Amino acid sequence: MLPKAVSRNSCLRKRLQNSYKTTYECDACSKIFLFKSSLKQHYLVHSKEKPYVCEVCNKSFSLKNNLNLHYLVHTKEKPHVCEVCNKSFSLKNNLNLHYLVHTKEKPHVCEVCSKSFSQKTDLNYHYLVHTKEKPYVCEVCNKSFSLKTTLNNHYRVHRKENPHECDACSKIFLFKSSLNQHYLVHSKEKPYACKVCNKSFSLKGDLKRHYLVHTKEKPHVCEVCNKSFSLKNVLKQHYLVHTKEKPYVCDVCSKSFSLKGGLNQHYLVHTKEKPHVCEVCSKSFSLKGGLNQHYLVHTKEKPHVCEICSKSFSQKIDLNRHYLVHTKEKPHVCEVCNKSFSLKGDLKRHYLVHTKEKPYACDVCNNAFSQKSKLNRHYLVHTKEKPYVCVVCSKYFSQKSNLNRHYLVHTKEKPFVCEVCNKSFSQKTNLNNHYLVHKKENPHML
């Protein structure tokens, strides 16, 4: 049977024109047809007319054949079956494309970077990487997208359209596929297992990302600072460090964040939610990461070790702070008195000295403090708790710092030495008081 339409291939064009006395060419796109009726139908593509309407959902089509194919969506018929894996398809063309999965053929090659694709549509999408084109623009917020499907999904954000709801926890998803993946959370199924360490995952994508832990691959490199990352989305987030963009804004207090995850975590400050509970001591945390770090208190693990002095820490952030002890760096400078600090948090607390703010008030006696840690220590005055015990003489103390000073009584250590007369003291306050003796003798002494 003769084909009804043939694409603009020059060889085929010549062969057709030589074989058949009469051919019909579209004067809009030069496509050639063997039958005049086919050309007439084809003109509807250019005229945007869609006279063929589906009786089920009212979707309209330019060509009757497309309507017939569309009806398969409603009938759920999939007459075209793959001989390799028995997967079935509504359209024969989709089956032909599917066979490329088994043959591993990737006949469509990018002329810029030589990357190959099994389907031409994928190649066309790929070209947008090189051209940086984002031709599809949101009419609401002017955000632009490379793909029309991405734009359509984006419109759901404005419409607040989340049609797929989990019947277990009422969480809502834009896509049915996302809901299906989410159900694995409730079923506790983890069908994807790592062949290296046997750790299992609910989602195949999570397993793929996990393999990077073993391979140590970090193929995505920042063009600004050369820092490398395992995942492309993490690199994209990292670029916000350089651009200083903080596109995610809290609608409660207007604080902005570089990452959406940071905003979501921040909302817990306002809601006061602490859904993650320690199974050992029942302490609760806003973030799962905070709970995981807390468990190290019970296990006594300190996996982060200083390479200089071998001191170990339960959290990496504490190790990073500790390194400042060795480097002597104090990059955070007070704008009022020029005093410098190793940590930004210490500088923030220091500013309270100048502002005289004491935001932390005791709800028992209304005594106020500049730091929350000082308020917590103060509460021990009311509770009479003395949780810190000397292992030598069993004396109790309300504060750990007092216990540490007390140990000097037993060790006879006097680490604080006077620079004037070399007299030594066990406590720094005693040394400071001692300096007053010298100052009386020599008022000009600093």
Protein backbone atom coordinates (compact mmCIF):
# COMPACT_ATOMS: atom_id res chain seq x y z
CA MET A 1 0.00 0.00 0.00
CA LEU A 2 1.30 3.45 -0.90
CA PRO A 3 2.20 5.87 1.88
CA LYS A 4 -0.13 8.86 2.19
CA ALA A 5 2.49 11.39 3.16
CA VAL A 6 6.23 11.60 2.89
CA SER A 7 8.58 14.05 4.59
CA ARG A 8 10.79 16.58 2.79
CA ASN A 9 13.65 14.30 2.00
CA SER A 10 15.20 15.31 -1.33
CA CYS A 11 15.86 11.71 -2.46
CA LEU A 12 12.32 10.61 -1.67
CA ARG A 13 10.98 13.75 -3.33
CA LYS A 14 12.76 12.94 -6.61
CA ARG A 15 11.79 9.28 -6.46
CA LEU A 16 8.13 10.14 -5.91
CA GLN A 17 8.06 12.75 -8.65
CA ASN A 18 9.71 10.30 -11.05
CA SER A 19 7.45 7.39 -10.08
CA TYR A 20 4.14 9.22 -10.09
CA LYS A 21 2.96 11.63 -12.74
CA THR A 22 1.06 13.78 -10.26
CA THR A 23 2.12 14.78 -6.75
CA TYR A 24 0.69 17.46 -4.49
CA GLU A 25 2.98 19.90 -2.67
CA CYS A 26 2.00 22.09 0.28
CA ASP A 27 2.83 25.71 -0.60
CA ALA A 28 3.29 26.52 3.10
CA CYS A 29 5.90 23.92 4.11
CA SER A 30 6.75 22.08 0.81
CA LYS A 31 5.62 18.72 2.17
CA ILE A 32 4.66 16.34 -0.69
CA PHE A 33 1.52 14.17 -0.87
CA LEU A 34 0.41 11.55 -3.34
CA PHE A 35 -3.29 12.35 -2.96
CA LYS A 36 -5.08 15.67 -3.15
CA SER A 37 -7.35 14.64 -0.27
CA SER A 38 -4.28 14.19 1.95
CA LEU A 39 -3.05 17.67 1.03
CA LYS A 40 -6.45 19.15 1.91
CA GLN A 41 -6.35 17.49 5.31
CA HIS A 42 -2.79 18.68 5.79
CA TYR A 43 -3.78 22.32 5.18
CA LEU A 44 -5.79 22.17 8.41
CA VAL A 45 -2.48 22.00 10.29
CA HIS A 46 -1.58 25.45 8.96
CA SER A 47 -5.08 26.92 9.24
CA LYS A 48 -5.31 25.84 12.89
CA GLU A 49 -8.79 24.45 12.17
CA LYS A 50 -9.70 21.44 14.29
CA PRO A 51 -13.01 20.15 12.94
CA TYR A 52 -12.79 16.65 14.43
CA VAL A 53 -14.05 16.66 18.03
CA CYS A 54 -13.87 13.84 20.57
CA GLU A 55 -17.37 12.93 21.83
CA VAL A 56 -15.98 11.93 25.23
CA CYS A 57 -13.82 14.90 26.30
CA ASN A 58 -14.44 17.50 23.53
CA LYS A 59 -10.77 17.68 22.58
CA SER A 60 -10.47 18.69 18.90
CA PHE A 61 -8.08 17.63 16.14
CA SER A 62 -7.06 18.82 12.67
CA LEU A 63 -7.04 15.31 11.21
CA LYS A 64 -9.61 12.53 11.53
CA ASN A 65 -6.83 9.98 11.90
CA ASN A 66 -5.55 11.82 14.98
CA LEU A 67 -9.03 11.71 16.48
CA ASN A 68 -9.19 7.94 15.90
CA LEU A 69 -5.84 7.52 17.61
CA HIS A 70 -7.02 9.73 20.47
CA TYR A 71 -10.03 7.48 21.14
CA LEU A 72 -7.56 4.80 22.27
CA VAL A 73 -6.90 6.98 25.33
CA HIS A 74 -10.52 6.50 26.41
CA THR A 75 -10.89 2.86 25.39
CA LYS A 76 -7.57 2.00 27.06
CA GLU A 77 -6.77 -0.21 24.08
CA LYS A 78 -3.10 -0.98 23.58
CA PRO A 79 -3.04 -3.28 20.57
CA HIS A 80 0.69 -2.92 19.79
CA VAL A 81 2.75 -5.29 21.96
CA CYS A 82 6.54 -5.42 22.34
CA GLU A 83 7.84 -8.89 21.43
CA VAL A 84 10.74 -8.55 23.88
CA CYS A 85 9.08 -7.50 27.16
CA ASN A 86 5.32 -7.65 26.33
CA LYS A 87 4.79 -3.98 27.14
CA SER A 88 1.81 -2.69 25.14
CA PHE A 89 1.16 0.64 23.44
CA SER A 90 -1.80 2.47 21.94
CA LEU A 91 0.18 3.61 18.91
CA LYS A 92 2.50 1.65 16.64
CA ASN A 93 4.87 4.61 16.47
CA ASN A 94 5.30 4.49 20.26
CA LEU A 95 6.09 0.78 20.02
CA ASN A 96 8.76 1.50 17.40
CA LEU A 97 10.31 4.11 19.66
CA HIS A 98 10.15 1.67 22.57
CA TYR A 99 12.17 -0.94 20.66
CA LEU A 100 15.13 1.46 20.85
CA VAL A 101 15.24 0.75 24.59
CA HIS A 102 16.09 -2.87 23.82
CA THR A 103 18.38 -2.24 20.86
CA LYS A 104 20.20 0.55 22.74
CA GLU A 105 20.18 2.54 19.51
CA LYS A 106 20.60 6.29 19.78
CA PRO A 107 20.43 7.44 16.19
CA HIS A 108 19.81 11.14 16.90
CA VAL A 109 23.13 12.92 17.54
CA CYS A 110 23.67 16.49 18.77
CA GLU A 111 25.77 18.44 16.27
CA VAL A 112 27.25 20.59 19.06
CA CYS A 113 28.47 18.08 21.65
CA SER A 114 27.87 14.70 19.91
CA LYS A 115 25.59 13.44 22.67
CA SER A 116 23.15 10.90 21.20
CA PHE A 117 19.49 10.19 21.89
CA SER A 118 17.08 7.41 21.05
CA GLN A 119 14.27 9.84 20.18
CA LYS A 120 14.33 12.99 18.07
CA THR A 121 12.14 14.87 20.55
CA ASP A 122 14.77 14.29 23.24
CA LEU A 123 17.42 15.69 20.91
CA ASN A 124 15.28 18.77 20.25
CA TYR A 125 14.89 19.34 23.99
CA HIS A 126 18.63 18.85 24.41
CA TYR A 127 19.45 21.61 21.91
CA LEU A 128 17.86 24.08 24.35
CA VAL A 129 20.79 23.37 26.68
CA HIS A 130 23.13 24.89 24.10
CA THR A 131 20.88 27.72 22.90
CA LYS A 132 19.74 28.63 26.44
CA GLU A 133 16.34 29.33 24.91
CA LYS A 134 13.35 29.50 27.20
CA PRO A 135 10.59 30.31 24.75
CA TYR A 136 7.62 29.45 26.98
CA VAL A 137 6.74 32.38 29.27
CA CYS A 138 4.25 32.36 32.16
CA GLU A 139 1.60 35.04 31.61
CA VAL A 140 1.17 35.48 35.37
CA CYS A 141 4.74 35.99 36.66
CA ASN A 142 6.81 36.16 33.42
CA LYS A 143 8.96 33.20 34.45
CA SER A 144 10.28 31.43 31.34
CA PHE A 145 10.79 27.75 30.60
CA SER A 146 12.54 25.62 28.00
CA LEU A 147 9.65 23.16 27.63
CA LYS A 148 5.92 23.73 27.24
CA THR A 149 5.17 20.83 29.59
CA THR A 150 7.21 22.53 32.31
CA LEU A 151 5.25 25.75 31.77
CA ASN A 152 1.95 23.86 32.02
CA ASN A 153 3.08 22.27 35.28
CA HIS A 154 4.15 25.71 36.53
CA TYR A 155 0.66 27.14 35.91
CA ARG A 156 -0.62 24.71 38.53
CA VAL A 157 1.36 26.69 41.12
CA HIS A 158 -0.72 29.78 40.33
CA ARG A 159 -3.97 27.83 40.16
CA LYS A 160 -3.11 26.08 43.45
CA GLU A 161 -3.99 22.93 41.55
CA ASN A 162 -2.86 19.80 43.35
CA PRO A 163 -5.23 17.13 42.07
CA HIS A 164 -3.61 14.02 43.53
CA GLU A 165 -4.16 13.50 47.27
CA CYS A 166 -2.70 10.72 49.42
CA ASP A 167 -5.55 8.92 51.20
CA ALA A 168 -3.19 7.94 54.04
CA CYS A 169 -1.83 11.35 55.13
CA SER A 170 -3.73 13.84 52.89
CA LYS A 171 -0.49 15.14 51.36
CA ILE A 172 -1.16 16.61 47.92
CA PHE A 173 0.89 16.16 44.74
CA LEU A 174 0.85 17.78 41.30
CA PHE A 175 1.54 14.52 39.50
CA LYS A 176 0.04 11.06 39.86
CA SER A 177 3.51 9.55 39.42
CA SER A 178 4.71 11.53 42.46
CA LEU A 179 1.75 10.24 44.48
CA ASN A 180 2.54 6.64 43.47
CA GLN A 181 6.13 7.08 44.60
CA HIS A 182 4.94 8.68 47.84
CA TYR A 183 2.80 5.63 48.68
CA LEU A 184 6.05 3.69 49.17
CA VAL A 185 6.67 5.85 52.26
CA HIS A 186 3.54 4.40 53.89
CA SER A 187 4.04 0.87 52.65
CA LYS A 188 7.65 0.95 53.91
CA GLU A 189 8.60 -0.85 50.71
CA LYS A 190 12.17 -0.31 49.64
CA PRO A 191 12.51 -2.39 46.50
CA TYR A 192 15.73 -0.77 45.25
CA ALA A 193 18.79 -2.21 47.02
CA CYS A 194 22.41 -1.06 46.70
CA LYS A 195 24.64 -3.88 45.42
CA VAL A 196 27.60 -2.52 47.39
CA CYS A 197 26.25 -2.06 50.93
CA ASN A 198 22.71 -3.54 50.66
CA LYS A 199 21.07 -0.28 51.77
CA SER A 200 17.59 -0.15 50.25
CA PHE A 201 15.51 2.73 48.92
CA SER A 202 11.88 3.40 48.06
CA LEU A 203 12.74 5.23 44.84
CA LYS A 204 15.07 4.23 42.01
CA GLY A 205 16.34 7.81 41.73
CA ASP A 206 17.44 7.73 45.37
CA LEU A 207 19.41 4.55 44.71
CA LYS A 208 21.18 6.14 41.72
CA ARG A 209 22.16 9.14 43.84
CA HIS A 210 23.31 6.82 46.62
CA TYR A 211 25.75 5.03 44.30
CA LEU A 212 27.71 8.30 44.08
CA VAL A 213 28.61 7.76 47.75
CA HIS A 214 30.55 4.65 46.74
CA THR A 215 32.00 5.93 43.47
CA LYS A 216 32.97 9.29 45.03
CA GLU A 217 32.06 10.85 41.70
CA LYS A 218 31.44 14.58 41.72
CA PRO A 219 30.93 15.32 38.03
CA HIS A 220 29.20 18.69 38.44
CA VAL A 221 31.77 21.50 38.88
CA CYS A 222 31.08 25.13 39.83
CA GLU A 223 32.51 27.45 37.15
CA VAL A 224 33.14 30.18 39.75
CA CYS A 225 35.06 28.39 42.53
CA ASN A 226 35.68 24.90 41.03
CA LYS A 227 33.88 23.18 43.91
CA SER A 228 32.44 19.88 42.68
CA PHE A 229 29.19 18.13 43.52
CA SER A 230 27.68 14.68 43.06
CA LEU A 231 24.28 16.00 41.98
CA LYS A 232 23.40 18.66 39.42
CA ASN A 233 20.59 20.13 41.52
CA VAL A 234 23.02 20.65 44.43
CA LEU A 235 25.34 22.55 42.05
CA LYS A 236 22.41 24.74 40.98
CA GLN A 237 21.67 25.50 44.62
CA HIS A 238 25.36 26.22 45.22
CA TYR A 239 25.40 28.90 42.50
CA LEU A 240 23.04 30.95 44.71
CA VAL A 241 25.98 31.37 47.11
CA HIS A 242 27.79 33.33 44.38
CA THR A 243 24.78 35.22 43.03
CA LYS A 244 23.54 36.04 46.55
CA GLU A 245 20.02 35.29 45.34
CA LYS A 246 17.49 34.42 48.01
CA PRO A 247 14.32 33.81 46.01
CA TYR A 248 12.35 31.98 48.73
CA VAL A 249 10.66 34.44 51.10
CA CYS A 250 8.83 33.60 54.34
CA ASP A 251 5.31 35.05 54.17
CA VAL A 252 5.22 35.37 57.98
CA CYS A 253 8.37 37.41 58.73
CA SER A 254 9.74 38.15 55.21
CA LYS A 255 13.07 36.43 55.88
CA SER A 256 14.51 35.14 52.60
CA PHE A 257 16.41 31.96 51.76
CA SER A 258 18.56 30.68 48.91
CA LEU A 259 17.00 27.22 49.05
CA LYS A 260 13.36 26.14 49.25
CA GLY A 261 14.37 23.50 51.79
CA GLY A 262 15.77 26.27 54.00
CA LEU A 263 12.43 28.11 53.85
CA ASN A 264 10.49 24.94 54.69
CA GLN A 265 12.74 24.32 57.69
CA HIS A 266 12.36 27.96 58.75
CA TYR A 267 8.55 27.68 58.83
CA LEU A 268 8.95 25.28 61.78
CA VAL A 269 10.21 28.28 63.79
CA HIS A 270 6.76 29.85 63.41
CA THR A 271 4.70 26.69 63.79
CA LYS A 272 6.82 25.45 66.74
CA GLU A 273 6.49 21.95 65.32
CA LYS A 274 9.01 19.40 66.50
CA PRO A 275 7.87 16.20 64.81
CA HIS A 276 11.13 14.23 65.21
CA VAL A 277 11.34 12.60 68.67
CA CYS A 278 14.36 10.86 70.24
CA GLU A 279 13.50 7.26 71.15
CA VAL A 280 15.98 7.35 74.06
CA CYS A 281 15.10 10.52 75.99
CA SER A 282 11.95 11.77 74.15
CA LYS A 283 13.55 15.12 73.28
CA SER A 284 11.93 16.48 70.12
CA PHE A 285 13.41 18.33 67.16
CA SER A 286 12.10 20.40 64.27
CA LEU A 287 14.47 18.77 61.79
CA LYS A 288 15.37 15.12 61.25
CA GLY A 289 19.01 16.18 60.86
CA GLY A 290 18.90 17.69 64.34
CA LEU A 291 17.57 14.40 65.73
CA ASN A 292 20.30 12.41 63.96
CA GLN A 293 22.98 14.67 65.43
CA HIS A 294 21.35 14.40 68.86
CA TYR A 295 21.60 10.60 68.80
CA LEU A 296 25.40 11.04 68.92
CA VAL A 297 24.93 12.34 72.48
CA HIS A 298 23.61 8.91 73.48
CA THR A 299 26.01 6.85 71.39
CA LYS A 300 28.98 9.01 72.49
CA GLU A 301 30.20 8.93 68.90
CA LYS A 302 32.53 11.72 67.83
CA PRO A 303 33.29 10.90 64.20
CA HIS A 304 34.74 14.30 63.24
CA VAL A 305 38.44 14.48 64.23
CA CYS A 306 40.75 17.51 64.12
CA GLU A 307 43.78 16.75 61.92
CA ILE A 308 46.00 19.04 64.02
CA CYS A 309 45.36 18.02 67.63
CA SER A 310 43.17 14.88 67.20
CA LYS A 311 40.34 16.35 69.29
CA SER A 312 37.06 14.77 68.15
CA PHE A 313 33.57 16.18 67.79
CA SER A 314 30.11 14.73 67.31
CA GLN A 315 29.17 17.36 64.71
CA LYS A 316 31.15 18.62 61.71
CA ILE A 317 30.12 22.22 62.37
CA ASP A 318 31.78 22.01 65.79
CA LEU A 319 34.97 20.72 64.16
CA ASN A 320 34.95 23.62 61.69
CA ARG A 321 34.59 26.09 64.56
CA HIS A 322 37.39 24.34 66.43
CA TYR A 323 39.82 24.81 63.52
CA LEU A 324 39.61 28.57 64.17
CA VAL A 325 41.44 27.89 67.46
CA HIS A 326 44.45 26.73 65.44
CA THR A 327 44.24 29.30 62.64
CA LYS A 328 43.61 32.17 65.09
CA GLU A 329 41.25 33.64 62.50
CA LYS A 330 38.73 36.16 63.78
CA PRO A 331 37.00 37.37 60.63
CA HIS A 332 33.89 38.80 62.32
CA VAL A 333 34.56 42.36 63.57
CA CYS A 334 32.31 44.50 65.79
CA GLU A 335 31.51 47.80 64.04
CA VAL A 336 31.20 49.59 67.40
CA CYS A 337 34.43 48.66 69.23
CA ASN A 338 36.41 46.71 66.57
CA LYS A 339 36.61 43.61 68.75
CA SER A 340 36.93 40.55 66.50
CA PHE A 341 35.46 37.07 66.83
CA SER A 342 36.04 33.69 65.25
CA LEU A 343 32.32 32.94 64.92
CA LYS A 344 29.49 35.09 63.58
CA GLY A 345 27.24 33.88 66.40
CA ASP A 346 29.72 35.20 68.98
CA LEU A 347 29.69 38.60 67.26
CA LYS A 348 25.88 38.68 67.35
CA ARG A 349 25.91 37.92 71.07
CA HIS A 350 28.61 40.56 71.60
CA TYR A 351 26.42 43.27 70.03
CA LEU A 352 24.03 42.80 72.97
CA VAL A 353 26.76 44.35 75.17
CA HIS A 354 26.39 47.58 73.19
CA THR A 355 22.62 47.50 72.76
CA LYS A 356 22.08 46.44 76.41
CA GLU A 357 19.39 44.08 75.16
CA LYS A 358 18.42 41.21 77.41
CA PRO A 359 15.78 39.38 75.41
CA TYR A 360 15.75 36.19 77.51
CA ALA A 361 13.63 36.68 80.64
CA CYS A 362 13.16 34.21 83.50
CA ASP A 363 9.44 33.43 83.90
CA VAL A 364 9.98 32.77 87.64
CA CYS A 365 11.68 35.98 88.83
CA ASN A 366 11.75 38.14 85.64
CA ASN A 367 15.54 38.40 85.73
CA ALA A 368 16.67 38.99 82.12
CA PHE A 369 19.73 37.78 80.23
CA SER A 370 21.45 38.60 76.95
CA GLN A 371 22.00 34.94 76.09
CA LYS A 372 19.68 31.94 76.23
CA SER A 373 22.46 29.75 77.66
CA LYS A 374 22.77 32.16 80.62
CA LEU A 375 19.01 31.95 81.19
CA ASN A 376 19.20 28.14 81.18
CA ARG A 377 22.00 28.25 83.76
CA HIS A 378 19.96 30.72 85.83
CA TYR A 379 17.00 28.34 85.99
CA LEU A 380 19.19 25.99 88.05
CA VAL A 381 19.01 28.59 90.85
CA HIS A 382 15.26 27.99 91.07
CA THR A 383 15.29 24.25 90.50
CA LYS A 384 18.27 23.75 92.86
CA GLU A 385 19.58 21.20 90.37
CA LYS A 386 23.27 20.39 90.50
CA PRO A 387 23.77 17.87 87.72
CA TYR A 388 27.59 18.08 87.55
CA VAL A 389 29.43 15.85 90.05
CA CYS A 390 33.13 15.83 90.93
CA VAL A 391 34.44 12.27 90.53
CA VAL A 392 37.10 12.92 93.20
CA CYS A 393 35.10 14.27 96.14
CA SER A 394 31.46 13.91 94.93
CA LYS A 395 30.77 17.63 95.30
CA TYR A 396 27.86 18.81 93.12
CA PHE A 397 27.73 21.88 90.88
CA SER A 398 24.96 23.56 88.93
CA GLN A 399 27.28 24.52 86.06
CA LYS A 400 29.90 22.52 84.20
CA SER A 401 32.31 25.49 84.15
CA ASN A 402 32.21 25.58 87.97
CA LEU A 403 33.01 21.86 88.07
CA ASN A 404 35.97 22.38 85.73
CA ARG A 405 37.33 25.16 87.97
CA HIS A 406 36.79 22.95 90.98
CA TYR A 407 38.96 20.19 89.50
CA LEU A 408 41.94 22.57 89.74
CA VAL A 409 41.64 22.24 93.51
CA HIS A 410 42.46 18.55 93.19
CA THR A 411 45.04 18.82 90.42
CA LYS A 412 46.76 21.83 92.07
CA GLU A 413 47.04 23.38 88.61
CA LYS A 414 47.48 27.13 88.41
CA PRO A 415 47.37 27.91 84.71
CA PHE A 416 46.85 31.68 85.00
CA VAL A 417 50.22 33.44 85.47
CA CYS A 418 50.86 37.10 86.32
CA GLU A 419 53.07 38.73 83.67
CA VAL A 420 54.52 41.13 86.24
CA CYS A 421 55.62 38.86 89.09
CA ASN A 422 54.99 35.34 87.69
CA LYS A 423 52.63 34.46 90.53
CA SER A 424 50.14 31.83 89.33
CA PHE A 425 46.45 31.27 90.05
CA SER A 426 43.95 28.51 89.51
CA GLN A 427 41.23 30.91 88.30
CA LYS A 428 41.36 33.81 85.87
CA THR A 429 39.20 36.02 88.11
CA ASN A 430 41.79 35.69 90.88
CA LEU A 431 44.52 36.73 88.43
CA ASN A 432 42.50 39.79 87.39
CA ASN A 433 42.04 40.77 91.05
CA HIS A 434 45.77 40.28 91.60
CA TYR A 435 46.61 42.73 88.81
CA LEU A 436 44.88 45.44 90.86
CA VAL A 437 47.70 45.11 93.42
CA HIS A 438 50.28 45.99 90.78
CA LYS A 439 48.11 48.77 89.40
CA LYS A 440 48.07 50.43 92.81
CA GLU A 441 51.85 50.20 92.92
CA ASN A 442 52.15 51.53 89.38
CA PRO A 443 49.04 53.49 88.27
CA HIS A 444 50.42 53.86 84.73
CA MET A 445 50.42 50.10 84.19
CA LEU A 446 47.93 49.01 81.54
